[in-house]
Amino acid sequence: MVAARIKLLRDQRGMTQTELAKRLGITRSSVNAWEMGISVPSTQYIVELARLFKVSTDYLLGVASSATVNVSGLTEKDIQLVCALVEHLREKGKHPQS
């Protein structure tokens, strides 16, 4: 679970394994090992990854199935738009078009 989440979050941000490794001050092979499930990040790196990707440690570890969105700096109207978009996507998922 952790391996897949790290890869997904890294890919979503358009980062290479090398870029992520540099941000964390580790080797690319360490990141690769995490993503392949060969090893798991230490607690320190779980926290750093969560901060970097702006997700909870629970989400990163697969304890929580939902991610959070940081809406600080957005207006109330912007927040309402984000919520409306999320609801629209949920409804779309319930009734996929053929």
PDB file of N, CA and C in Angstrom:
ATOM      1  N   MET A   1       0.826  -1.196   0.000  1.00  0.00           N
ATOM      2  CA  MET A   1       0.000   0.000   0.000  1.00  0.00           C
ATOM      3  C   MET A   1       0.867   1.256   0.000  1.00  0.00           C
ATOM      4  N   VAL A   2       1.866   1.313   0.876  1.00  0.00           N
ATOM      5  CA  VAL A   2       2.742   2.480   0.945  1.00  0.00           C
ATOM      6  C   VAL A   2       3.473   2.662  -0.383  1.00  0.00           C
ATOM      7  N   ALA A   3       3.951   1.566  -0.945  1.00  0.00           N
ATOM      8  CA  ALA A   3       4.690   1.620  -2.206  1.00  0.00           C
ATOM      9  C   ALA A   3       3.851   2.262  -3.305  1.00  0.00           C
ATOM     10  N   ALA A   4       2.625   1.811  -3.442  1.00  0.00           N
ATOM     11  CA  ALA A   4       1.742   2.326  -4.494  1.00  0.00           C
ATOM     12  C   ALA A   4       1.404   3.789  -4.266  1.00  0.00           C
ATOM     13  N   ARG A   5       1.187   4.170  -3.023  1.00  0.00           N
ATOM     14  CA  ARG A   5       0.837   5.563  -2.724  1.00  0.00           C
ATOM     15  C   ARG A   5       2.008   6.499  -3.017  1.00  0.00           C
ATOM     16  N   ILE A   6       3.212   6.097  -2.663  1.00  0.00           N
ATOM     17  CA  ILE A   6       4.380   6.940  -2.930  1.00  0.00           C
ATOM     18  C   ILE A   6       4.527   7.145  -4.434  1.00  0.00           C
ATOM     19  N   LYS A   7       4.437   6.068  -5.188  1.00  0.00           N
ATOM     20  CA  LYS A   7       4.578   6.173  -6.647  1.00  0.00           C
ATOM     21  C   LYS A   7       3.466   7.032  -7.240  1.00  0.00           C
ATOM     22  N   LEU A   8       2.233   6.813  -6.796  1.00  0.00           N
ATOM     23  CA  LEU A   8       1.101   7.592  -7.303  1.00  0.00           C
ATOM     24  C   LEU A   8       1.294   9.077  -7.020  1.00  0.00           C
ATOM     25  N   LEU A   9       1.623   9.412  -5.789  1.00  0.00           N
ATOM     26  CA  LEU A   9       1.796  10.814  -5.416  1.00  0.00           C
ATOM     27  C   LEU A   9       2.963  11.453  -6.165  1.00  0.00           C
ATOM     28  N   ARG A  10       4.042  10.716  -6.320  1.00  0.00           N
ATOM     29  CA  ARG A  10       5.193  11.235  -7.055  1.00  0.00           C
ATOM     30  C   ARG A  10       4.826  11.474  -8.516  1.00  0.00           C
ATOM     31  N   ASP A  11       4.164  10.490  -9.124  1.00  0.00           N
ATOM     32  CA  ASP A  11       3.751  10.620 -10.527  1.00  0.00           C
ATOM     33  C   ASP A  11       2.766  11.770 -10.722  1.00  0.00           C
ATOM     34  N   GLN A  12       1.836  11.922  -9.797  1.00  0.00           N
ATOM     35  CA  GLN A  12       0.848  13.001  -9.908  1.00  0.00           C
ATOM     36  C   GLN A  12       1.506  14.374  -9.918  1.00  0.00           C
ATOM     37  N   ARG A  13       2.638  14.485  -9.282  1.00  0.00           N
ATOM     38  CA  ARG A  13       3.359  15.758  -9.224  1.00  0.00           C
ATOM     39  C   ARG A  13       4.426  15.877 -10.311  1.00  0.00           C
ATOM     40  N   GLY A  14       4.507  14.864 -11.159  1.00  0.00           N
ATOM     41  CA  GLY A  14       5.461  14.905 -12.264  1.00  0.00           C
ATOM     42  C   GLY A  14       6.913  14.858 -11.807  1.00  0.00           C
ATOM     43  N   MET A  15       7.151  14.226 -10.664  1.00  0.00           N
ATOM     44  CA  MET A  15       8.511  14.126 -10.131  1.00  0.00           C
ATOM     45  C   MET A  15       9.137  12.804 -10.548  1.00  0.00           C
ATOM     46  N   THR A  16      10.430  12.822 -10.788  1.00  0.00           N
ATOM     47  CA  THR A  16      11.170  11.581 -11.019  1.00  0.00           C
ATOM     48  C   THR A  16      11.596  11.028  -9.668  1.00  0.00           C
ATOM     49  N   GLN A  17      12.031   9.786  -9.669  1.00  0.00           N
ATOM     50  CA  GLN A  17      12.559   9.208  -8.432  1.00  0.00           C
ATOM     51  C   GLN A  17      13.786   9.994  -7.973  1.00  0.00           C
ATOM     52  N   THR A  18      14.590  10.431  -8.911  1.00  0.00           N
ATOM     53  CA  THR A  18      15.789  11.204  -8.577  1.00  0.00           C
ATOM     54  C   THR A  18      15.423  12.527  -7.922  1.00  0.00           C
ATOM     55  N   GLU A  19      14.407  13.204  -8.461  1.00  0.00           N
ATOM     56  CA  GLU A  19      13.969  14.480  -7.876  1.00  0.00           C
ATOM     57  C   GLU A  19      13.448  14.286  -6.457  1.00  0.00           C
ATOM     58  N   LEU A  20      12.654  13.238  -6.257  1.00  0.00           N
ATOM     59  CA  LEU A  20      12.134  12.966  -4.920  1.00  0.00           C
ATOM     60  C   LEU A  20      13.277  12.647  -3.964  1.00  0.00           C
ATOM     61  N   ALA A  21      14.212  11.847  -4.417  1.00  0.00           N
ATOM     62  CA  ALA A  21      15.359  11.485  -3.580  1.00  0.00           C
ATOM     63  C   ALA A  21      16.137  12.727  -3.157  1.00  0.00           C
ATOM     64  N   LYS A  22      16.366  13.644  -4.096  1.00  0.00           N
ATOM     65  CA  LYS A  22      17.091  14.878  -3.775  1.00  0.00           C
ATOM     66  C   LYS A  22      16.340  15.706  -2.742  1.00  0.00           C
ATOM     67  N   ARG A  23      15.021  15.794  -2.892  1.00  0.00           N
ATOM     68  CA  ARG A  23      14.203  16.566  -1.929  1.00  0.00           C
ATOM     69  C   ARG A  23      14.312  15.984  -0.527  1.00  0.00           C
ATOM     70  N   LEU A  24      14.468  14.662  -0.452  1.00  0.00           N
ATOM     71  CA  LEU A  24      14.528  13.986   0.846  1.00  0.00           C
ATOM     72  C   LEU A  24      15.961  13.772   1.337  1.00  0.00           C
ATOM     73  N   GLY A  25      16.935  14.042   0.481  1.00  0.00           N
ATOM     74  CA  GLY A  25      18.328  13.845   0.857  1.00  0.00           C
ATOM     75  C   GLY A  25      18.734  12.383   0.954  1.00  0.00           C
ATOM     76  N   ILE A  26      18.164  11.568   0.061  1.00  0.00           N
ATOM     77  CA  ILE A  26      18.461  10.131   0.037  1.00  0.00           C
ATOM     78  C   ILE A  26      18.825   9.728  -1.390  1.00  0.00           C
ATOM     79  N   THR A  27      19.113   8.459  -1.605  1.00  0.00           N
ATOM     80  CA  THR A  27      19.464   7.983  -2.942  1.00  0.00           C
ATOM     81  C   THR A  27      18.209   7.613  -3.740  1.00  0.00           C
ATOM     82  N   ARG A  28      18.356   7.666  -5.060  1.00  0.00           N
ATOM     83  CA  ARG A  28      17.261   7.264  -5.938  1.00  0.00           C
ATOM     84  C   ARG A  28      16.926   5.794  -5.713  1.00  0.00           C
ATOM     85  N   SER A  29      17.935   4.982  -5.442  1.00  0.00           N
ATOM     86  CA  SER A  29      17.678   3.559  -5.229  1.00  0.00           C
ATOM     87  C   SER A  29      16.824   3.321  -3.981  1.00  0.00           C
ATOM     88  N   SER A  30      16.920   4.200  -2.992  1.00  0.00           N
ATOM     89  CA  SER A  30      16.047   4.082  -1.808  1.00  0.00           C
ATOM     90  C   SER A  30      14.594   4.326  -2.191  1.00  0.00           C
ATOM     91  N   VAL A  31      14.371   5.372  -2.988  1.00  0.00           N
ATOM     92  CA  VAL A  31      13.008   5.667  -3.451  1.00  0.00           C
ATOM     93  C   VAL A  31      12.498   4.501  -4.286  1.00  0.00           C
ATOM     94  N   ASN A  32      13.323   3.987  -5.173  1.00  0.00           N
ATOM     95  CA  ASN A  32      12.938   2.851  -6.006  1.00  0.00           C
ATOM     96  C   ASN A  32      12.569   1.640  -5.140  1.00  0.00           C
ATOM     97  N   ALA A  33      13.351   1.386  -4.103  1.00  0.00           N
ATOM     98  CA  ALA A  33      13.069   0.252  -3.218  1.00  0.00           C
ATOM     99  C   ALA A  33      11.730   0.433  -2.512  1.00  0.00           C
ATOM    100  N   TRP A  34      11.422   1.666  -2.107  1.00  0.00           N
ATOM    101  CA  TRP A  34      10.113   1.931  -1.482  1.00  0.00           C
ATOM    102  C   TRP A  34       8.994   1.625  -2.466  1.00  0.00           C
ATOM    103  N   GLU A  35       9.132   2.135  -3.693  1.00  0.00           N
ATOM    104  CA  GLU A  35       8.074   1.982  -4.696  1.00  0.00           C
ATOM    105  C   GLU A  35       7.921   0.540  -5.168  1.00  0.00           C
ATOM    106  N   MET A  36       8.979  -0.242  -5.082  1.00  0.00           N
ATOM    107  CA  MET A  36       8.913  -1.651  -5.472  1.00  0.00           C
ATOM    108  C   MET A  36       8.445  -2.527  -4.312  1.00  0.00           C
ATOM    109  N   GLY A  37       8.323  -1.944  -3.124  1.00  0.00           N
ATOM    110  CA  GLY A  37       7.906  -2.708  -1.959  1.00  0.00           C
ATOM    111  C   GLY A  37       9.017  -3.545  -1.354  1.00  0.00           C
ATOM    112  N   ILE A  38      10.256  -3.266  -1.743  1.00  0.00           N
ATOM    113  CA  ILE A  38      11.403  -4.001  -1.213  1.00  0.00           C
ATOM    114  C   ILE A  38      11.711  -3.543   0.213  1.00  0.00           C
ATOM    115  N   SER A  39      11.512  -2.259   0.453  1.00  0.00           N
ATOM    116  CA  SER A  39      11.690  -1.698   1.792  1.00  0.00           C
ATOM    117  C   SER A  39      10.605  -0.661   2.027  1.00  0.00           C
ATOM    118  N   VAL A  40      10.493  -0.223   3.255  1.00  0.00           N
ATOM    119  CA  VAL A  40       9.512   0.813   3.589  1.00  0.00           C
ATOM    120  C   VAL A  40      10.237   1.994   4.226  1.00  0.00           C
ATOM    121  N   PRO A  41       9.719   3.189   4.007  1.00  0.00           N
ATOM    122  CA  PRO A  41      10.369   4.358   4.597  1.00  0.00           C
ATOM    123  C   PRO A  41      10.299   4.317   6.122  1.00  0.00           C
ATOM    124  N   SER A  42      11.315   4.878   6.754  1.00  0.00           N
ATOM    125  CA  SER A  42      11.297   5.008   8.213  1.00  0.00           C
ATOM    126  C   SER A  42      10.218   6.018   8.591  1.00  0.00           C
ATOM    127  N   THR A  43       9.921   6.075   9.867  1.00  0.00           N
ATOM    128  CA  THR A  43       8.917   7.028  10.366  1.00  0.00           C
ATOM    129  C   THR A  43       9.275   8.447   9.949  1.00  0.00           C
ATOM    130  N   GLN A  44      10.535   8.792  10.042  1.00  0.00           N
ATOM    131  CA  GLN A  44      10.994  10.136   9.660  1.00  0.00           C
ATOM    132  C   GLN A  44      10.603  10.443   8.217  1.00  0.00           C
ATOM    133  N   TYR A  45      10.830   9.493   7.318  1.00  0.00           N
ATOM    134  CA  TYR A  45      10.535   9.738   5.905  1.00  0.00           C
ATOM    135  C   TYR A  45       9.040   9.664   5.604  1.00  0.00           C
ATOM    136  N   ILE A  46       8.301   8.878   6.365  1.00  0.00           N
ATOM    137  CA  ILE A  46       6.837   8.878   6.202  1.00  0.00           C
ATOM    138  C   ILE A  46       6.312  10.282   6.482  1.00  0.00           C
ATOM    139  N   VAL A  47       6.788  10.885   7.562  1.00  0.00           N
ATOM    140  CA  VAL A  47       6.357  12.248   7.921  1.00  0.00           C
ATOM    141  C   VAL A  47       6.804  13.239   6.852  1.00  0.00           C
ATOM    142  N   GLU A  48       8.044  13.132   6.395  1.00  0.00           N
ATOM    143  CA  GLU A  48       8.542  14.044   5.360  1.00  0.00           C
ATOM    144  C   GLU A  48       7.774  13.889   4.055  1.00  0.00           C
ATOM    145  N   LEU A  49       7.467  12.653   3.668  1.00  0.00           N
ATOM    146  CA  LEU A  49       6.682  12.419   2.454  1.00  0.00           C
ATOM    147  C   LEU A  49       5.280  13.018   2.585  1.00  0.00           C
ATOM    148  N   ALA A  50       4.661  12.822   3.740  1.00  0.00           N
ATOM    149  CA  ALA A  50       3.325  13.374   3.974  1.00  0.00           C
ATOM    150  C   ALA A  50       3.339  14.895   3.856  1.00  0.00           C
ATOM    151  N   ARG A  51       4.348  15.524   4.420  1.00  0.00           N
ATOM    152  CA  ARG A  51       4.459  16.993   4.322  1.00  0.00           C
ATOM    153  C   ARG A  51       4.700  17.424   2.884  1.00  0.00           C
ATOM    154  N   LEU A  52       5.612  16.742   2.218  1.00  0.00           N
ATOM    155  CA  LEU A  52       5.956  17.091   0.843  1.00  0.00           C
ATOM    156  C   LEU A  52       4.747  16.966  -0.088  1.00  0.00           C
ATOM    157  N   PHE A  53       4.006  15.859   0.055  1.00  0.00           N
ATOM    158  CA  PHE A  53       2.868  15.610  -0.827  1.00  0.00           C
ATOM    159  C   PHE A  53       1.562  16.192  -0.307  1.00  0.00           C
ATOM    160  N   LYS A  54       1.616  16.814   0.888  1.00  0.00           N
ATOM    161  CA  LYS A  54       0.438  17.445   1.496  1.00  0.00           C
ATOM    162  C   LYS A  54      -0.714  16.456   1.689  1.00  0.00           C
ATOM    163  N   VAL A  55      -0.365  15.294   2.240  1.00  0.00           N
ATOM    164  CA  VAL A  55      -1.354  14.269   2.590  1.00  0.00           C
ATOM    165  C   VAL A  55      -1.106  13.876   4.039  1.00  0.00           C
ATOM    166  N   SER A  56      -2.037  13.163   4.627  1.00  0.00           N
ATOM    167  CA  SER A  56      -1.835  12.696   5.994  1.00  0.00           C
ATOM    168  C   SER A  56      -0.951  11.451   5.992  1.00  0.00           C
ATOM    169  N   THR A  57      -0.315  11.204   7.116  1.00  0.00           N
ATOM    170  CA  THR A  57       0.473   9.976   7.234  1.00  0.00           C
ATOM    171  C   THR A  57      -0.452   8.770   7.158  1.00  0.00           C
ATOM    172  N   ASP A  58      -1.677   8.888   7.683  1.00  0.00           N
ATOM    173  CA  ASP A  58      -2.645   7.796   7.587  1.00  0.00           C
ATOM    174  C   ASP A  58      -2.939   7.454   6.134  1.00  0.00           C
ATOM    175  N   TYR A  59      -3.111   8.472   5.298  1.00  0.00           N
ATOM    176  CA  TYR A  59      -3.363   8.227   3.880  1.00  0.00           C
ATOM    177  C   TYR A  59      -2.161   7.537   3.244  1.00  0.00           C
ATOM    178  N   LEU A  60      -0.976   8.047   3.528  1.00  0.00           N
ATOM    179  CA  LEU A  60       0.237   7.480   2.961  1.00  0.00           C
ATOM    180  C   LEU A  60       0.423   6.020   3.353  1.00  0.00           C
ATOM    181  N   LEU A  61       0.066   5.696   4.589  1.00  0.00           N
ATOM    182  CA  LEU A  61       0.221   4.329   5.088  1.00  0.00           C
ATOM    183  C   LEU A  61      -0.945   3.416   4.709  1.00  0.00           C
ATOM    184  N   GLY A  62      -1.988   3.978   4.132  1.00  0.00           N
ATOM    185  CA  GLY A  62      -3.141   3.174   3.743  1.00  0.00           C
ATOM    186  C   GLY A  62      -4.124   2.946   4.867  1.00  0.00           C
ATOM    187  N   VAL A  63      -3.969   3.670   5.972  1.00  0.00           N
ATOM    188  CA  VAL A  63      -4.891   3.536   7.103  1.00  0.00           C
ATOM    189  C   VAL A  63      -6.211   4.237   6.777  1.00  0.00           C
ATOM    190  N   ALA A  64      -6.113   5.354   6.089  1.00  0.00           N
ATOM    191  CA  ALA A  64      -7.300   6.114   5.696  1.00  0.00           C
ATOM    192  C   ALA A  64      -7.428   6.051   4.181  1.00  0.00           C
ATOM    193  N   SER A  65      -8.628   5.848   3.708  1.00  0.00           N
ATOM    194  CA  SER A  65      -8.826   5.755   2.260  1.00  0.00           C
ATOM    195  C   SER A  65      -9.072   7.110   1.621  1.00  0.00           C
ATOM    196  N   SER A  66      -9.231   8.137   2.434  1.00  0.00           N
ATOM    197  CA  SER A  66      -9.499   9.451   1.865  1.00  0.00           C
ATOM    198  C   SER A  66      -8.292  10.359   2.034  1.00  0.00           C
ATOM    199  N   ALA A  67      -8.112  11.223   1.073  1.00  0.00           N
ATOM    200  CA  ALA A  67      -7.051  12.223   1.129  1.00  0.00           C
ATOM    201  C   ALA A  67      -7.679  13.546   1.545  1.00  0.00           C
ATOM    202  N   THR A  68      -6.868  14.463   1.982  1.00  0.00           N
ATOM    203  CA  THR A  68      -7.372  15.782   2.344  1.00  0.00           C
ATOM    204  C   THR A  68      -6.878  16.802   1.338  1.00  0.00           C
ATOM    205  N   VAL A  69      -7.596  17.888   1.246  1.00  0.00           N
ATOM    206  CA  VAL A  69      -7.205  18.987   0.369  1.00  0.00           C
ATOM    207  C   VAL A  69      -7.006  20.209   1.245  1.00  0.00           C
ATOM    208  N   ASN A  70      -5.840  20.819   1.141  1.00  0.00           N
ATOM    209  CA  ASN A  70      -5.553  22.029   1.907  1.00  0.00           C
ATOM    210  C   ASN A  70      -6.197  23.207   1.191  1.00  0.00           C
ATOM    211  N   VAL A  71      -7.155  23.842   1.829  1.00  0.00           N
ATOM    212  CA  VAL A  71      -7.865  24.956   1.209  1.00  0.00           C
ATOM    213  C   VAL A  71      -7.455  26.302   1.803  1.00  0.00           C
ATOM    214  N   SER A  72      -6.389  26.305   2.590  1.00  0.00           N
ATOM    215  CA  SER A  72      -5.940  27.573   3.152  1.00  0.00           C
ATOM    216  C   SER A  72      -5.552  28.518   2.018  1.00  0.00           C
ATOM    217  N   GLY A  73      -5.900  29.765   2.183  1.00  0.00           N
ATOM    218  CA  GLY A  73      -5.605  30.755   1.157  1.00  0.00           C
ATOM    219  C   GLY A  73      -6.685  30.884   0.105  1.00  0.00           C
ATOM    220  N   LEU A  74      -7.685  30.007   0.137  1.00  0.00           N
ATOM    221  CA  LEU A  74      -8.794  30.097  -0.819  1.00  0.00           C
ATOM    222  C   LEU A  74      -9.935  30.908  -0.208  1.00  0.00           C
ATOM    223  N   THR A  75     -10.686  31.544  -1.056  1.00  0.00           N
ATOM    224  CA  THR A  75     -11.868  32.261  -0.584  1.00  0.00           C
ATOM    225  C   THR A  75     -12.982  31.267  -0.285  1.00  0.00           C
ATOM    226  N   GLU A  76     -13.976  31.725   0.416  1.00  0.00           N
ATOM    227  CA  GLU A  76     -15.125  30.861   0.709  1.00  0.00           C
ATOM    228  C   GLU A  76     -15.779  30.384  -0.586  1.00  0.00           C
ATOM    229  N   LYS A  77     -15.852  31.257  -1.574  1.00  0.00           N
ATOM    230  CA  LYS A  77     -16.437  30.884  -2.865  1.00  0.00           C
ATOM    231  C   LYS A  77     -15.587  29.801  -3.549  1.00  0.00           C
ATOM    232  N   ASP A  78     -14.258  29.952  -3.490  1.00  0.00           N
ATOM    233  CA  ASP A  78     -13.362  28.941  -4.068  1.00  0.00           C
ATOM    234  C   ASP A  78     -13.562  27.584  -3.387  1.00  0.00           C
ATOM    235  N   ILE A  79     -13.690  27.594  -2.068  1.00  0.00           N
ATOM    236  CA  ILE A  79     -13.886  26.357  -1.309  1.00  0.00           C
ATOM    237  C   ILE A  79     -15.198  25.705  -1.708  1.00  0.00           C
ATOM    238  N   GLN A  80     -16.238  26.505  -1.891  1.00  0.00           N
ATOM    239  CA  GLN A  80     -17.523  25.966  -2.329  1.00  0.00           C
ATOM    240  C   GLN A  80     -17.398  25.334  -3.713  1.00  0.00           C
ATOM    241  N   LEU A  81     -16.630  25.943  -4.597  1.00  0.00           N
ATOM    242  CA  LEU A  81     -16.422  25.381  -5.933  1.00  0.00           C
ATOM    243  C   LEU A  81     -15.685  24.046  -5.861  1.00  0.00           C
ATOM    244  N   VAL A  82     -14.670  23.960  -5.007  1.00  0.00           N
ATOM    245  CA  VAL A  82     -13.937  22.708  -4.844  1.00  0.00           C
ATOM    246  C   VAL A  82     -14.879  21.621  -4.340  1.00  0.00           C
ATOM    247  N   CYS A  83     -15.683  21.955  -3.340  1.00  0.00           N
ATOM    248  CA  CYS A  83     -16.640  20.985  -2.789  1.00  0.00           C
ATOM    249  C   CYS A  83     -17.651  20.547  -3.848  1.00  0.00           C
ATOM    250  N   ALA A  84     -18.123  21.487  -4.649  1.00  0.00           N
ATOM    251  CA  ALA A  84     -19.077  21.158  -5.704  1.00  0.00           C
ATOM    252  C   ALA A  84     -18.434  20.237  -6.742  1.00  0.00           C
ATOM    253  N   LEU A  85     -17.189  20.488  -7.084  1.00  0.00           N
ATOM    254  CA  LEU A  85     -16.489  19.633  -8.040  1.00  0.00           C
ATOM    255  C   LEU A  85     -16.336  18.219  -7.496  1.00  0.00           C
ATOM    256  N   VAL A  86     -15.964  18.100  -6.232  1.00  0.00           N
ATOM    257  CA  VAL A  86     -15.819  16.776  -5.609  1.00  0.00           C
ATOM    258  C   VAL A  86     -17.154  16.043  -5.643  1.00  0.00           C
ATOM    259  N   GLU A  87     -18.210  16.720  -5.293  1.00  0.00           N
ATOM    260  CA  GLU A  87     -19.537  16.084  -5.301  1.00  0.00           C
ATOM    261  C   GLU A  87     -19.927  15.662  -6.717  1.00  0.00           C
ATOM    262  N   HIS A  88     -19.641  16.498  -7.689  1.00  0.00           N
ATOM    263  CA  HIS A  88     -19.932  16.168  -9.094  1.00  0.00           C
ATOM    264  C   HIS A  88     -19.188  14.893  -9.503  1.00  0.00           C
ATOM    265  N   LEU A  89     -17.923  14.802  -9.138  1.00  0.00           N
ATOM    266  CA  LEU A  89     -17.127  13.625  -9.503  1.00  0.00           C
ATOM    267  C   LEU A  89     -17.632  12.367  -8.799  1.00  0.00           C
ATOM    268  N   ARG A  90     -18.086  12.504  -7.566  1.00  0.00           N
ATOM    269  CA  ARG A  90     -18.674  11.352  -6.861  1.00  0.00           C
ATOM    270  C   ARG A  90     -19.928  10.866  -7.570  1.00  0.00           C
ATOM    271  N   GLU A  91     -20.783  11.789  -7.939  1.00  0.00           N
ATOM    272  CA  GLU A  91     -22.022  11.434  -8.634  1.00  0.00           C
ATOM    273  C   GLU A  91     -21.719  10.808  -9.994  1.00  0.00           C
ATOM    274  N   LYS A  92     -20.751  11.357 -10.684  1.00  0.00           N
ATOM    275  CA  LYS A  92     -20.352  10.817 -11.983  1.00  0.00           C
ATOM    276  C   LYS A  92     -19.872   9.374 -11.823  1.00  0.00           C
ATOM    277  N   GLY A  93     -19.167   9.087 -10.728  1.00  0.00           N
ATOM    278  CA  GLY A  93     -18.691   7.736 -10.461  1.00  0.00           C
ATOM    279  C   GLY A  93     -19.809   6.753 -10.176  1.00  0.00           C
ATOM    280  N   LYS A  94     -20.912   7.246  -9.606  1.00  0.00           N
ATOM    281  CA  LYS A  94     -22.051   6.392  -9.303  1.00  0.00           C
ATOM    282  C   LYS A  94     -22.814   5.997 -10.557  1.00  0.00           C
ATOM    283  N   HIS A  95     -22.740   6.876 -11.579  1.00  0.00           N
ATOM    284  CA  HIS A  95     -23.503   6.660 -12.798  1.00  0.00           C
ATOM    285  C   HIS A  95     -22.589   6.797 -14.013  1.00  0.00           C
ATOM    286  N   PRO A  96     -21.617   5.906 -14.167  1.00  0.00           N
ATOM    287  CA  PRO A  96     -20.707   6.034 -15.311  1.00  0.00           C
ATOM    288  C   PRO A  96     -21.451   5.854 -16.625  1.00  0.00           C
ATOM    289  N   GLN A  97     -21.019   6.645 -17.610  1.00  0.00           N
ATOM    290  CA  GLN A  97     -21.647   6.539 -18.919  1.00  0.00           C
ATOM    291  C   GLN A  97     -21.078   5.330 -19.652  1.00  0.00           C
ATOM    292  N   SER A  98     -21.920   4.701 -20.413  1.00  0.00           N
ATOM    293  CA  SER A  98     -21.492   3.513 -21.173  1.00  0.00           C
ATOM    294  C   SER A  98     -20.811   3.905 -22.442  1.00  0.00           C
TER     295      SER A  98
END
